[in-house]
Amino acid sequence: MGTSSNLNNKIALKITAGVSTMWCAYIFAAIALISLPNAIKSGDTIVIVSWIAQTFLQLVLLSIIMVGQNVQSKGFEKTINETHAATLLELAEIKVLSQEMHRVIRDLETRITPEK
């Protein structure tokens, strides 16, 4: 069961990577445009609207939306990585300050506490 699941995941990733490109959107647009003359020749408003909604928009926008999501996720990933790096830097600075503060407190305690 695990092997077929891994195979299915690999196939899904390959297909998604292929469909989520602008080249795929261009190919889908060309395929959709093949049926445009017949839709126009029909003169039927419903056929033309159906062609626009079901053939062109669904087919072409799928790839374009996926490309847009990839671009957005890369932007989010960059922001997350920058925030993570800045947070780690701040944490390192806080650790240094904390160590220095503990050292100062120990020094003060030894000065204040009378020797026996």
PDB file of N, CA and C in Angstrom:
ATOM      1  N   MET A   1       0.837  -1.206   0.000  1.00  0.00           N
ATOM      2  CA  MET A   1       0.000   0.000   0.000  1.00  0.00           C
ATOM      3  C   MET A   1       0.869   1.252   0.000  1.00  0.00           C
ATOM      4  N   GLY A   2       1.964   1.260   0.749  1.00  0.00           N
ATOM      5  CA  GLY A   2       2.838   2.417   0.800  1.00  0.00           C
ATOM      6  C   GLY A   2       3.494   2.713  -0.527  1.00  0.00           C
ATOM      7  N   THR A   3       3.871   1.657  -1.265  1.00  0.00           N
ATOM      8  CA  THR A   3       4.540   1.847  -2.547  1.00  0.00           C
ATOM      9  C   THR A   3       3.614   2.501  -3.564  1.00  0.00           C
ATOM     10  N   SER A   4       2.367   2.039  -3.625  1.00  0.00           N
ATOM     11  CA  SER A   4       1.427   2.642  -4.575  1.00  0.00           C
ATOM     12  C   SER A   4       1.099   4.073  -4.177  1.00  0.00           C
ATOM     13  N   SER A   5       1.066   4.327  -2.880  1.00  0.00           N
ATOM     14  CA  SER A   5       0.819   5.690  -2.399  1.00  0.00           C
ATOM     15  C   SER A   5       1.970   6.607  -2.806  1.00  0.00           C
ATOM     16  N   ASN A   6       3.210   6.112  -2.655  1.00  0.00           N
ATOM     17  CA  ASN A   6       4.374   6.902  -3.068  1.00  0.00           C
ATOM     18  C   ASN A   6       4.350   7.149  -4.569  1.00  0.00           C
ATOM     19  N   LEU A   7       3.997   6.140  -5.352  1.00  0.00           N
ATOM     20  CA  LEU A   7       3.913   6.287  -6.804  1.00  0.00           C
ATOM     21  C   LEU A   7       2.841   7.310  -7.165  1.00  0.00           C
ATOM     22  N   ASN A   8       1.682   7.190  -6.519  1.00  0.00           N
ATOM     23  CA  ASN A   8       0.598   8.148  -6.781  1.00  0.00           C
ATOM     24  C   ASN A   8       1.022   9.570  -6.439  1.00  0.00           C
ATOM     25  N   ASN A   9       1.736   9.729  -5.328  1.00  0.00           N
ATOM     26  CA  ASN A   9       2.215  11.061  -4.936  1.00  0.00           C
ATOM     27  C   ASN A   9       3.188  11.612  -5.961  1.00  0.00           C
ATOM     28  N   LYS A  10       4.100  10.768  -6.442  1.00  0.00           N
ATOM     29  CA  LYS A  10       5.073  11.209  -7.450  1.00  0.00           C
ATOM     30  C   LYS A  10       4.380  11.615  -8.740  1.00  0.00           C
ATOM     31  N   ILE A  11       3.401  10.808  -9.167  1.00  0.00           N
ATOM     32  CA  ILE A  11       2.652  11.137 -10.390  1.00  0.00           C
ATOM     33  C   ILE A  11       1.899  12.450 -10.203  1.00  0.00           C
ATOM     34  N   ALA A  12       1.247  12.592  -9.058  1.00  0.00           N
ATOM     35  CA  ALA A  12       0.494  13.827  -8.783  1.00  0.00           C
ATOM     36  C   ALA A  12       1.412  15.045  -8.797  1.00  0.00           C
ATOM     37  N   LEU A  13       2.585  14.916  -8.191  1.00  0.00           N
ATOM     38  CA  LEU A  13       3.533  16.039  -8.170  1.00  0.00           C
ATOM     39  C   LEU A  13       4.004  16.400  -9.575  1.00  0.00           C
ATOM     40  N   LYS A  14       4.287  15.388 -10.394  1.00  0.00           N
ATOM     41  CA  LYS A  14       4.725  15.638 -11.781  1.00  0.00           C
ATOM     42  C   LYS A  14       3.625  16.347 -12.580  1.00  0.00           C
ATOM     43  N   ILE A  15       2.402  15.864 -12.454  1.00  0.00           N
ATOM     44  CA  ILE A  15       1.288  16.474 -13.186  1.00  0.00           C
ATOM     45  C   ILE A  15       1.060  17.897 -12.709  1.00  0.00           C
ATOM     46  N   THR A  16       1.074  18.087 -11.383  1.00  0.00           N
ATOM     47  CA  THR A  16       0.875  19.431 -10.838  1.00  0.00           C
ATOM     48  C   THR A  16       1.965  20.374 -11.315  1.00  0.00           C
ATOM     49  N   ALA A  17       3.211  19.902 -11.313  1.00  0.00           N
ATOM     50  CA  ALA A  17       4.321  20.742 -11.778  1.00  0.00           C
ATOM     51  C   ALA A  17       4.149  21.105 -13.247  1.00  0.00           C
ATOM     52  N   GLY A  18       3.635  20.185 -14.043  1.00  0.00           N
ATOM     53  CA  GLY A  18       3.427  20.465 -15.467  1.00  0.00           C
ATOM     54  C   GLY A  18       2.263  21.401 -15.724  1.00  0.00           C
ATOM     55  N   VAL A  19       1.165  21.185 -15.009  1.00  0.00           N
ATOM     56  CA  VAL A  19      -0.044  21.995 -15.232  1.00  0.00           C
ATOM     57  C   VAL A  19       0.133  23.410 -14.685  1.00  0.00           C
ATOM     58  N   SER A  20       0.970  23.560 -13.676  1.00  0.00           N
ATOM     59  CA  SER A  20       1.124  24.881 -13.051  1.00  0.00           C
ATOM     60  C   SER A  20       2.241  25.687 -13.720  1.00  0.00           C
ATOM     61  N   THR A  21       2.205  25.746 -15.042  1.00  0.00           N
ATOM     62  CA  THR A  21       3.151  26.564 -15.809  1.00  0.00           C
ATOM     63  C   THR A  21       2.378  27.430 -16.790  1.00  0.00           C
ATOM     64  N   MET A  22       2.963  28.539 -17.144  1.00  0.00           N
ATOM     65  CA  MET A  22       2.322  29.402 -18.140  1.00  0.00           C
ATOM     66  C   MET A  22       2.311  28.716 -19.504  1.00  0.00           C
ATOM     67  N   TRP A  23       3.306  27.868 -19.793  1.00  0.00           N
ATOM     68  CA  TRP A  23       3.306  27.156 -21.070  1.00  0.00           C
ATOM     69  C   TRP A  23       2.085  26.255 -21.174  1.00  0.00           C
ATOM     70  N   CYS A  24       1.717  25.627 -20.074  1.00  0.00           N
ATOM     71  CA  CYS A  24       0.520  24.795 -20.065  1.00  0.00           C
ATOM     72  C   CYS A  24      -0.722  25.664 -20.289  1.00  0.00           C
ATOM     73  N   ALA A  25      -0.748  26.840 -19.690  1.00  0.00           N
ATOM     74  CA  ALA A  25      -1.883  27.765 -19.897  1.00  0.00           C
ATOM     75  C   ALA A  25      -1.983  28.148 -21.371  1.00  0.00           C
ATOM     76  N   TYR A  26      -0.840  28.400 -22.011  1.00  0.00           N
ATOM     77  CA  TYR A  26      -0.858  28.737 -23.447  1.00  0.00           C
ATOM     78  C   TYR A  26      -1.374  27.569 -24.277  1.00  0.00           C
ATOM     79  N   ILE A  27      -0.937  26.361 -23.944  1.00  0.00           N
ATOM     80  CA  ILE A  27      -1.407  25.175 -24.674  1.00  0.00           C
ATOM     81  C   ILE A  27      -2.904  24.990 -24.473  1.00  0.00           C
ATOM     82  N   PHE A  28      -3.370  25.132 -23.230  1.00  0.00           N
ATOM     83  CA  PHE A  28      -4.809  25.015 -22.957  1.00  0.00           C
ATOM     84  C   PHE A  28      -5.598  26.081 -23.719  1.00  0.00           C
ATOM     85  N   ALA A  29      -5.059  27.300 -23.783  1.00  0.00           N
ATOM     86  CA  ALA A  29      -5.740  28.370 -24.523  1.00  0.00           C
ATOM     87  C   ALA A  29      -5.839  28.004 -25.998  1.00  0.00           C
ATOM     88  N   ALA A  30      -4.759  27.479 -26.564  1.00  0.00           N
ATOM     89  CA  ALA A  30      -4.784  27.073 -27.977  1.00  0.00           C
ATOM     90  C   ALA A  30      -5.807  25.962 -28.199  1.00  0.00           C
ATOM     91  N   ILE A  31      -5.842  24.990 -27.294  1.00  0.00           N
ATOM     92  CA  ILE A  31      -6.823  23.902 -27.414  1.00  0.00           C
ATOM     93  C   ILE A  31      -8.240  24.454 -27.320  1.00  0.00           C
ATOM     94  N   ALA A  32      -8.462  25.355 -26.386  1.00  0.00           N
ATOM     95  CA  ALA A  32      -9.802  25.936 -26.217  1.00  0.00           C
ATOM     96  C   ALA A  32     -10.209  26.738 -27.442  1.00  0.00           C
ATOM     97  N   LEU A  33      -9.259  27.441 -28.047  1.00  0.00           N
ATOM     98  CA  LEU A  33      -9.577  28.283 -29.207  1.00  0.00           C
ATOM     99  C   LEU A  33      -9.984  27.470 -30.438  1.00  0.00           C
ATOM    100  N   ILE A  34      -9.635  26.189 -30.458  1.00  0.00           N
ATOM    101  CA  ILE A  34     -10.030  25.335 -31.580  1.00  0.00           C
ATOM    102  C   ILE A  34     -11.555  25.279 -31.711  1.00  0.00           C
ATOM    103  N   SER A  35     -12.249  25.250 -30.584  1.00  0.00           N
ATOM    104  CA  SER A  35     -13.712  25.143 -30.628  1.00  0.00           C
ATOM    105  C   SER A  35     -14.417  26.499 -30.669  1.00  0.00           C
ATOM    106  N   LEU A  36     -13.667  27.598 -30.563  1.00  0.00           N
ATOM    107  CA  LEU A  36     -14.295  28.928 -30.574  1.00  0.00           C
ATOM    108  C   LEU A  36     -15.063  29.222 -31.858  1.00  0.00           C
ATOM    109  N   PRO A  37     -14.520  28.951 -33.044  1.00  0.00           N
ATOM    110  CA  PRO A  37     -15.286  29.262 -34.266  1.00  0.00           C
ATOM    111  C   PRO A  37     -16.650  28.568 -34.303  1.00  0.00           C
ATOM    112  N   ASN A  38     -16.718  27.322 -33.888  1.00  0.00           N
ATOM    113  CA  ASN A  38     -18.011  26.622 -33.888  1.00  0.00           C
ATOM    114  C   ASN A  38     -18.975  27.239 -32.882  1.00  0.00           C
ATOM    115  N   ALA A  39     -18.454  27.668 -31.736  1.00  0.00           N
ATOM    116  CA  ALA A  39     -19.316  28.304 -30.737  1.00  0.00           C
ATOM    117  C   ALA A  39     -19.879  29.607 -31.297  1.00  0.00           C
ATOM    118  N   ILE A  40     -19.048  30.381 -31.985  1.00  0.00           N
ATOM    119  CA  ILE A  40     -19.496  31.656 -32.558  1.00  0.00           C
ATOM    120  C   ILE A  40     -20.482  31.410 -33.703  1.00  0.00           C
ATOM    121  N   LYS A  41     -20.165  30.418 -34.550  1.00  0.00           N
ATOM    122  CA  LYS A  41     -21.047  30.099 -35.685  1.00  0.00           C
ATOM    123  C   LYS A  41     -22.428  29.667 -35.232  1.00  0.00           C
ATOM    124  N   SER A  42     -22.509  29.074 -34.076  1.00  0.00           N
ATOM    125  CA  SER A  42     -23.813  28.611 -33.592  1.00  0.00           C
ATOM    126  C   SER A  42     -24.759  29.780 -33.394  1.00  0.00           C
ATOM    127  N   GLY A  43     -24.210  30.947 -33.053  1.00  0.00           N
ATOM    128  CA  GLY A  43     -25.050  32.117 -32.820  1.00  0.00           C
ATOM    129  C   GLY A  43     -25.859  32.016 -31.545  1.00  0.00           C
ATOM    130  N   ASP A  44     -25.727  30.930 -30.846  1.00  0.00           N
ATOM    131  CA  ASP A  44     -26.486  30.693 -29.617  1.00  0.00           C
ATOM    132  C   ASP A  44     -25.715  31.296 -28.438  1.00  0.00           C
ATOM    133  N   THR A  45     -26.352  32.238 -27.761  1.00  0.00           N
ATOM    134  CA  THR A  45     -25.716  32.907 -26.629  1.00  0.00           C
ATOM    135  C   THR A  45     -25.287  31.911 -25.552  1.00  0.00           C
ATOM    136  N   ILE A  46     -26.118  30.932 -25.287  1.00  0.00           N
ATOM    137  CA  ILE A  46     -25.798  29.940 -24.257  1.00  0.00           C
ATOM    138  C   ILE A  46     -24.557  29.143 -24.648  1.00  0.00           C
ATOM    139  N   VAL A  47     -24.430  28.793 -25.907  1.00  0.00           N
ATOM    140  CA  VAL A  47     -23.262  28.039 -26.373  1.00  0.00           C
ATOM    141  C   VAL A  47     -22.000  28.897 -26.235  1.00  0.00           C
ATOM    142  N   ILE A  48     -22.112  30.177 -26.591  1.00  0.00           N
ATOM    143  CA  ILE A  48     -20.958  31.080 -26.497  1.00  0.00           C
ATOM    144  C   ILE A  48     -20.565  31.289 -25.033  1.00  0.00           C
ATOM    145  N   VAL A  49     -21.547  31.541 -24.178  1.00  0.00           N
ATOM    146  CA  VAL A  49     -21.266  31.722 -22.749  1.00  0.00           C
ATOM    147  C   VAL A  49     -20.693  30.435 -22.160  1.00  0.00           C
ATOM    148  N   SER A  50     -21.239  29.301 -22.557  1.00  0.00           N
ATOM    149  CA  SER A  50     -20.713  28.015 -22.084  1.00  0.00           C
ATOM    150  C   SER A  50     -19.274  27.824 -22.539  1.00  0.00           C
ATOM    151  N   TRP A  51     -18.975  28.199 -23.771  1.00  0.00           N
ATOM    152  CA  TRP A  51     -17.601  28.064 -24.258  1.00  0.00           C
ATOM    153  C   TRP A  51     -16.659  28.919 -23.401  1.00  0.00           C
ATOM    154  N   ILE A  52     -17.082  30.161 -23.143  1.00  0.00           N
ATOM    155  CA  ILE A  52     -16.240  31.063 -22.342  1.00  0.00           C
ATOM    156  C   ILE A  52     -16.045  30.501 -20.939  1.00  0.00           C
ATOM    157  N   ALA A  53     -17.153  30.135 -20.283  1.00  0.00           N
ATOM    158  CA  ALA A  53     -17.099  29.712 -18.884  1.00  0.00           C
ATOM    159  C   ALA A  53     -16.495  28.321 -18.720  1.00  0.00           C
ATOM    160  N   GLN A  54     -16.964  27.380 -19.509  1.00  0.00           N
ATOM    161  CA  GLN A  54     -16.565  25.992 -19.288  1.00  0.00           C
ATOM    162  C   GLN A  54     -15.304  25.603 -20.048  1.00  0.00           C
ATOM    163  N   THR A  55     -15.141  26.129 -21.219  1.00  0.00           N
ATOM    164  CA  THR A  55     -13.992  25.708 -22.013  1.00  0.00           C
ATOM    165  C   THR A  55     -12.793  26.599 -21.763  1.00  0.00           C
ATOM    166  N   PHE A  56     -12.963  27.892 -21.955  1.00  0.00           N
ATOM    167  CA  PHE A  56     -11.802  28.775 -21.877  1.00  0.00           C
ATOM    168  C   PHE A  56     -11.398  29.073 -20.438  1.00  0.00           C
ATOM    169  N   LEU A  57     -12.314  29.635 -19.664  1.00  0.00           N
ATOM    170  CA  LEU A  57     -11.953  30.064 -18.315  1.00  0.00           C
ATOM    171  C   LEU A  57     -11.472  28.910 -17.441  1.00  0.00           C
ATOM    172  N   GLN A  58     -12.241  27.825 -17.404  1.00  0.00           N
ATOM    173  CA  GLN A  58     -11.857  26.713 -16.534  1.00  0.00           C
ATOM    174  C   GLN A  58     -10.552  26.082 -16.977  1.00  0.00           C
ATOM    175  N   LEU A  59     -10.382  25.926 -18.257  1.00  0.00           N
ATOM    176  CA  LEU A  59      -9.189  25.260 -18.768  1.00  0.00           C
ATOM    177  C   LEU A  59      -7.945  26.126 -18.601  1.00  0.00           C
ATOM    178  N   VAL A  60      -8.040  27.386 -18.977  1.00  0.00           N
ATOM    179  CA  VAL A  60      -6.868  28.262 -18.973  1.00  0.00           C
ATOM    180  C   VAL A  60      -6.593  28.821 -17.578  1.00  0.00           C
ATOM    181  N   LEU A  61      -7.630  29.246 -16.892  1.00  0.00           N
ATOM    182  CA  LEU A  61      -7.411  29.849 -15.578  1.00  0.00           C
ATOM    183  C   LEU A  61      -6.862  28.872 -14.553  1.00  0.00           C
ATOM    184  N   LEU A  62      -7.139  27.591 -14.714  1.00  0.00           N
ATOM    185  CA  LEU A  62      -6.598  26.601 -13.790  1.00  0.00           C
ATOM    186  C   LEU A  62      -5.083  26.727 -13.718  1.00  0.00           C
ATOM    187  N   SER A  63      -4.429  26.715 -14.869  1.00  0.00           N
ATOM    188  CA  SER A  63      -2.964  26.809 -14.887  1.00  0.00           C
ATOM    189  C   SER A  63      -2.485  28.165 -14.395  1.00  0.00           C
ATOM    190  N   ILE A  64      -3.161  29.225 -14.811  1.00  0.00           N
ATOM    191  CA  ILE A  64      -2.737  30.563 -14.407  1.00  0.00           C
ATOM    192  C   ILE A  64      -2.858  30.741 -12.896  1.00  0.00           C
ATOM    193  N   ILE A  65      -3.932  30.251 -12.318  1.00  0.00           N
ATOM    194  CA  ILE A  65      -4.116  30.344 -10.863  1.00  0.00           C
ATOM    195  C   ILE A  65      -3.030  29.553 -10.145  1.00  0.00           C
ATOM    196  N   MET A  66      -2.709  28.378 -10.664  1.00  0.00           N
ATOM    197  CA  MET A  66      -1.664  27.568 -10.042  1.00  0.00           C
ATOM    198  C   MET A  66      -0.305  28.264 -10.123  1.00  0.00           C
ATOM    199  N   VAL A  67      -0.018  28.903 -11.247  1.00  0.00           N
ATOM    200  CA  VAL A  67       1.229  29.664 -11.375  1.00  0.00           C
ATOM    201  C   VAL A  67       1.245  30.796 -10.349  1.00  0.00           C
ATOM    202  N   GLY A  68       0.129  31.515 -10.249  1.00  0.00           N
ATOM    203  CA  GLY A  68       0.032  32.610  -9.282  1.00  0.00           C
ATOM    204  C   GLY A  68       0.227  32.138  -7.853  1.00  0.00           C
ATOM    205  N   GLN A  69      -0.354  30.987  -7.523  1.00  0.00           N
ATOM    206  CA  GLN A  69      -0.182  30.439  -6.176  1.00  0.00           C
ATOM    207  C   GLN A  69       1.274  30.081  -5.914  1.00  0.00           C
ATOM    208  N   ASN A  70       1.945  29.546  -6.924  1.00  0.00           N
ATOM    209  CA  ASN A  70       3.367  29.219  -6.755  1.00  0.00           C
ATOM    210  C   ASN A  70       4.187  30.479  -6.510  1.00  0.00           C
ATOM    211  N   VAL A  71       3.891  31.541  -7.261  1.00  0.00           N
ATOM    212  CA  VAL A  71       4.612  32.805  -7.088  1.00  0.00           C
ATOM    213  C   VAL A  71       4.360  33.356  -5.685  1.00  0.00           C
ATOM    214  N   GLN A  72       3.095  33.337  -5.259  1.00  0.00           N
ATOM    215  CA  GLN A  72       2.763  33.826  -3.924  1.00  0.00           C
ATOM    216  C   GLN A  72       3.434  32.999  -2.837  1.00  0.00           C
ATOM    217  N   SER A  73       3.419  31.683  -2.989  1.00  0.00           N
ATOM    218  CA  SER A  73       4.010  30.842  -1.943  1.00  0.00           C
ATOM    219  C   SER A  73       5.515  31.062  -1.858  1.00  0.00           C
ATOM    220  N   LYS A  74       6.178  31.328  -2.990  1.00  0.00           N
ATOM    221  CA  LYS A  74       7.607  31.634  -2.947  1.00  0.00           C
ATOM    222  C   LYS A  74       7.846  32.944  -2.201  1.00  0.00           C
ATOM    223  N   GLY A  75       6.966  33.916  -2.406  1.00  0.00           N
ATOM    224  CA  GLY A  75       7.072  35.184  -1.679  1.00  0.00           C
ATOM    225  C   GLY A  75       6.866  34.978  -0.190  1.00  0.00           C
ATOM    226  N   PHE A  76       5.860  34.167   0.168  1.00  0.00           N
ATOM    227  CA  PHE A  76       5.612  33.877   1.580  1.00  0.00           C
ATOM    228  C   PHE A  76       6.791  33.124   2.180  1.00  0.00           C
ATOM    229  N   GLU A  77       7.331  32.167   1.425  1.00  0.00           N
ATOM    230  CA  GLU A  77       8.464  31.383   1.924  1.00  0.00           C
ATOM    231  C   GLU A  77       9.667  32.289   2.172  1.00  0.00           C
ATOM    232  N   LYS A  78       9.891  33.243   1.282  1.00  0.00           N
ATOM    233  CA  LYS A  78      11.001  34.182   1.459  1.00  0.00           C
ATOM    234  C   LYS A  78      10.790  35.003   2.731  1.00  0.00           C
ATOM    235  N   THR A  79       9.579  35.497   2.921  1.00  0.00           N
ATOM    236  CA  THR A  79       9.262  36.284   4.112  1.00  0.00           C
ATOM    237  C   THR A  79       9.444  35.451   5.378  1.00  0.00           C
ATOM    238  N   ILE A  80       8.972  34.218   5.347  1.00  0.00           N
ATOM    239  CA  ILE A  80       9.111  33.334   6.511  1.00  0.00           C
ATOM    240  C   ILE A  80      10.582  33.089   6.812  1.00  0.00           C
ATOM    241  N   ASN A  81      11.373  32.821   5.777  1.00  0.00           N
ATOM    242  CA  ASN A  81      12.807  32.580   5.988  1.00  0.00           C
ATOM    243  C   ASN A  81      13.511  33.818   6.545  1.00  0.00           C
ATOM    244  N   GLU A  82      13.146  34.989   6.039  1.00  0.00           N
ATOM    245  CA  GLU A  82      13.745  36.230   6.548  1.00  0.00           C
ATOM    246  C   GLU A  82      13.348  36.458   8.008  1.00  0.00           C
ATOM    247  N   THR A  83      12.075  36.212   8.323  1.00  0.00           N
ATOM    248  CA  THR A  83      11.601  36.371   9.697  1.00  0.00           C
ATOM    249  C   THR A  83      12.292  35.371  10.619  1.00  0.00           C
ATOM    250  N   HIS A  84      12.446  34.157  10.150  1.00  0.00           N
ATOM    251  CA  HIS A  84      13.119  33.118  10.941  1.00  0.00           C
ATOM    252  C   HIS A  84      14.569  33.518  11.225  1.00  0.00           C
ATOM    253  N   ALA A  85      15.258  33.980  10.197  1.00  0.00           N
ATOM    254  CA  ALA A  85      16.656  34.389  10.370  1.00  0.00           C
ATOM    255  C   ALA A  85      16.761  35.554  11.353  1.00  0.00           C
ATOM    256  N   ALA A  86      15.855  36.533  11.220  1.00  0.00           N
ATOM    257  CA  ALA A  86      15.875  37.684  12.126  1.00  0.00           C
ATOM    258  C   ALA A  86      15.564  37.249  13.558  1.00  0.00           C
ATOM    259  N   THR A  87      14.644  36.312  13.713  1.00  0.00           N
ATOM    260  CA  THR A  87      14.291  35.815  15.038  1.00  0.00           C
ATOM    261  C   THR A  87      15.462  35.087  15.687  1.00  0.00           C
ATOM    262  N   LEU A  88      16.164  34.273  14.892  1.00  0.00           N
ATOM    263  CA  LEU A  88      17.338  33.570  15.424  1.00  0.00           C
ATOM    264  C   LEU A  88      18.423  34.555  15.850  1.00  0.00           C
ATOM    265  N   LEU A  89      18.597  35.616  15.061  1.00  0.00           N
ATOM    266  CA  LEU A  89      19.581  36.639  15.412  1.00  0.00           C
ATOM    267  C   LEU A  89      19.197  37.330  16.717  1.00  0.00           C
ATOM    268  N   GLU A  90      17.933  37.686  16.846  1.00  0.00           N
ATOM    269  CA  GLU A  90      17.446  38.317  18.076  1.00  0.00           C
ATOM    270  C   GLU A  90      17.610  37.381  19.267  1.00  0.00           C
ATOM    271  N   LEU A  91      17.313  36.103  19.066  1.00  0.00           N
ATOM    272  CA  LEU A  91      17.458  35.126  20.144  1.00  0.00           C
ATOM    273  C   LEU A  91      18.915  35.034  20.586  1.00  0.00           C
ATOM    274  N   ALA A  92      19.835  35.015  19.643  1.00  0.00           N
ATOM    275  CA  ALA A  92      21.258  34.966  19.989  1.00  0.00           C
ATOM    276  C   ALA A  92      21.655  36.212  20.784  1.00  0.00           C
ATOM    277  N   GLU A  93      21.145  37.375  20.368  1.00  0.00           N
ATOM    278  CA  GLU A  93      21.448  38.611  21.102  1.00  0.00           C
ATOM    279  C   GLU A  93      20.857  38.577  22.508  1.00  0.00           C
ATOM    280  N   ILE A  94      19.657  38.047  22.637  1.00  0.00           N
ATOM    281  CA  ILE A  94      19.020  37.946  23.957  1.00  0.00           C
ATOM    282  C   ILE A  94      19.810  37.008  24.854  1.00  0.00           C
ATOM    283  N   LYS A  95      20.310  35.902  24.292  1.00  0.00           N
ATOM    284  CA  LYS A  95      21.120  34.971  25.089  1.00  0.00           C
ATOM    285  C   LYS A  95      22.385  35.656  25.597  1.00  0.00           C
ATOM    286  N   VAL A  96      23.034  36.423  24.737  1.00  0.00           N
ATOM    287  CA  VAL A  96      24.244  37.143  25.145  1.00  0.00           C
ATOM    288  C   VAL A  96      23.911  38.138  26.244  1.00  0.00           C
ATOM    289  N   LEU A  97      22.831  38.902  26.052  1.00  0.00           N
ATOM    290  CA  LEU A  97      22.420  39.870  27.073  1.00  0.00           C
ATOM    291  C   LEU A  97      22.066  39.178  28.381  1.00  0.00           C
ATOM    292  N   SER A  98      21.385  38.037  28.297  1.00  0.00           N
ATOM    293  CA  SER A  98      21.011  37.293  29.495  1.00  0.00           C
ATOM    294  C   SER A  98      22.252  36.812  30.241  1.00  0.00           C
ATOM    295  N   GLN A  99      23.230  36.299  29.512  1.00  0.00           N
ATOM    296  CA  GLN A  99      24.471  35.855  30.148  1.00  0.00           C
ATOM    297  C   GLN A  99      25.185  37.026  30.813  1.00  0.00           C
ATOM    298  N   GLU A 100      25.224  38.145  30.120  1.00  0.00           N
ATOM    299  CA  GLU A 100      25.877  39.335  30.685  1.00  0.00           C
ATOM    300  C   GLU A 100      25.134  39.808  31.922  1.00  0.00           C
ATOM    301  N   MET A 101      23.803  39.774  31.869  1.00  0.00           N
ATOM    302  CA  MET A 101      23.011  40.198  33.015  1.00  0.00           C
ATOM    303  C   MET A 101      23.265  39.278  34.214  1.00  0.00           C
ATOM    304  N   HIS A 102      23.321  37.976  33.985  1.00  0.00           N
ATOM    305  CA  HIS A 102      23.604  37.035  35.077  1.00  0.00           C
ATOM    306  C   HIS A 102      25.000  37.275  35.652  1.00  0.00           C
ATOM    307  N   ARG A 103      25.960  37.584  34.804  1.00  0.00           N
ATOM    308  CA  ARG A 103      27.317  37.874  35.278  1.00  0.00           C
ATOM    309  C   ARG A 103      27.329  39.123  36.156  1.00  0.00           C
ATOM    310  N   VAL A 104      26.625  40.159  35.713  1.00  0.00           N
ATOM    311  CA  VAL A 104      26.564  41.396  36.492  1.00  0.00           C
ATOM    312  C   VAL A 104      25.887  41.135  37.836  1.00  0.00           C
ATOM    313  N   ILE A 105      24.820  40.367  37.834  1.00  0.00           N
ATOM    314  CA  ILE A 105      24.114  40.062  39.088  1.00  0.00           C
ATOM    315  C   ILE A 105      25.023  39.289  40.030  1.00  0.00           C
ATOM    316  N   ARG A 106      25.755  38.300  39.516  1.00  0.00           N
ATOM    317  CA  ARG A 106      26.696  37.546  40.372  1.00  0.00           C
ATOM    318  C   ARG A 106      27.769  38.463  40.943  1.00  0.00           C
ATOM    319  N   ASP A 107      28.275  39.373  40.106  1.00  0.00           N
ATOM    320  CA  ASP A 107      29.284  40.325  40.586  1.00  0.00           C
ATOM    321  C   ASP A 107      28.719  41.204  41.695  1.00  0.00           C
ATOM    322  N   LEU A 108      27.499  41.688  41.493  1.00  0.00           N
ATOM    323  CA  LEU A 108      26.862  42.522  42.509  1.00  0.00           C
ATOM    324  C   LEU A 108      26.637  41.743  43.794  1.00  0.00           C
ATOM    325  N   GLU A 109      26.185  40.510  43.662  1.00  0.00           N
ATOM    326  CA  GLU A 109      25.928  39.686  44.852  1.00  0.00           C
ATOM    327  C   GLU A 109      27.219  39.456  45.633  1.00  0.00           C
ATOM    328  N   THR A 110      28.311  39.236  44.936  1.00  0.00           N
ATOM    329  CA  THR A 110      29.578  39.013  45.660  1.00  0.00           C
ATOM    330  C   THR A 110      30.053  40.287  46.325  1.00  0.00           C
ATOM    331  N   ARG A 111      29.758  41.433  45.764  1.00  0.00           N
ATOM    332  CA  ARG A 111      30.165  42.697  46.370  1.00  0.00           C
ATOM    333  C   ARG A 111      29.282  43.050  47.554  1.00  0.00           C
ATOM    334  N   ILE A 112      28.001  42.719  47.457  1.00  0.00           N
ATOM    335  CA  ILE A 112      27.048  43.084  48.513  1.00  0.00           C
ATOM    336  C   ILE A 112      27.132  42.094  49.671  1.00  0.00           C
ATOM    337  N   THR A 113      27.266  40.842  49.389  1.00  0.00           N
ATOM    338  CA  THR A 113      27.300  39.829  50.435  1.00  0.00           C
ATOM    339  C   THR A 113      28.598  39.930  51.207  1.00  0.00           C
ATOM    340  N   PRO A 114      28.486  40.106  52.499  1.00  0.00           N
ATOM    341  CA  PRO A 114      29.701  40.208  53.306  1.00  0.00           C
ATOM    342  C   PRO A 114      30.424  38.869  53.345  1.00  0.00           C
ATOM    343  N   GLU A 115      31.718  38.962  53.354  1.00  0.00           N
ATOM    344  CA  GLU A 115      32.518  37.746  53.433  1.00  0.00           C
ATOM    345  C   GLU A 115      32.510  37.248  54.872  1.00  0.00           C
ATOM    346  N   LYS A 116      32.538  35.968  55.021  1.00  0.00           N
ATOM    347  CA  LYS A 116      32.486  35.381  56.374  1.00  0.00           C
ATOM    348  C   LYS A 116      33.845  35.018  56.854  1.00  0.00           C
TER     349      LYS A 116
END
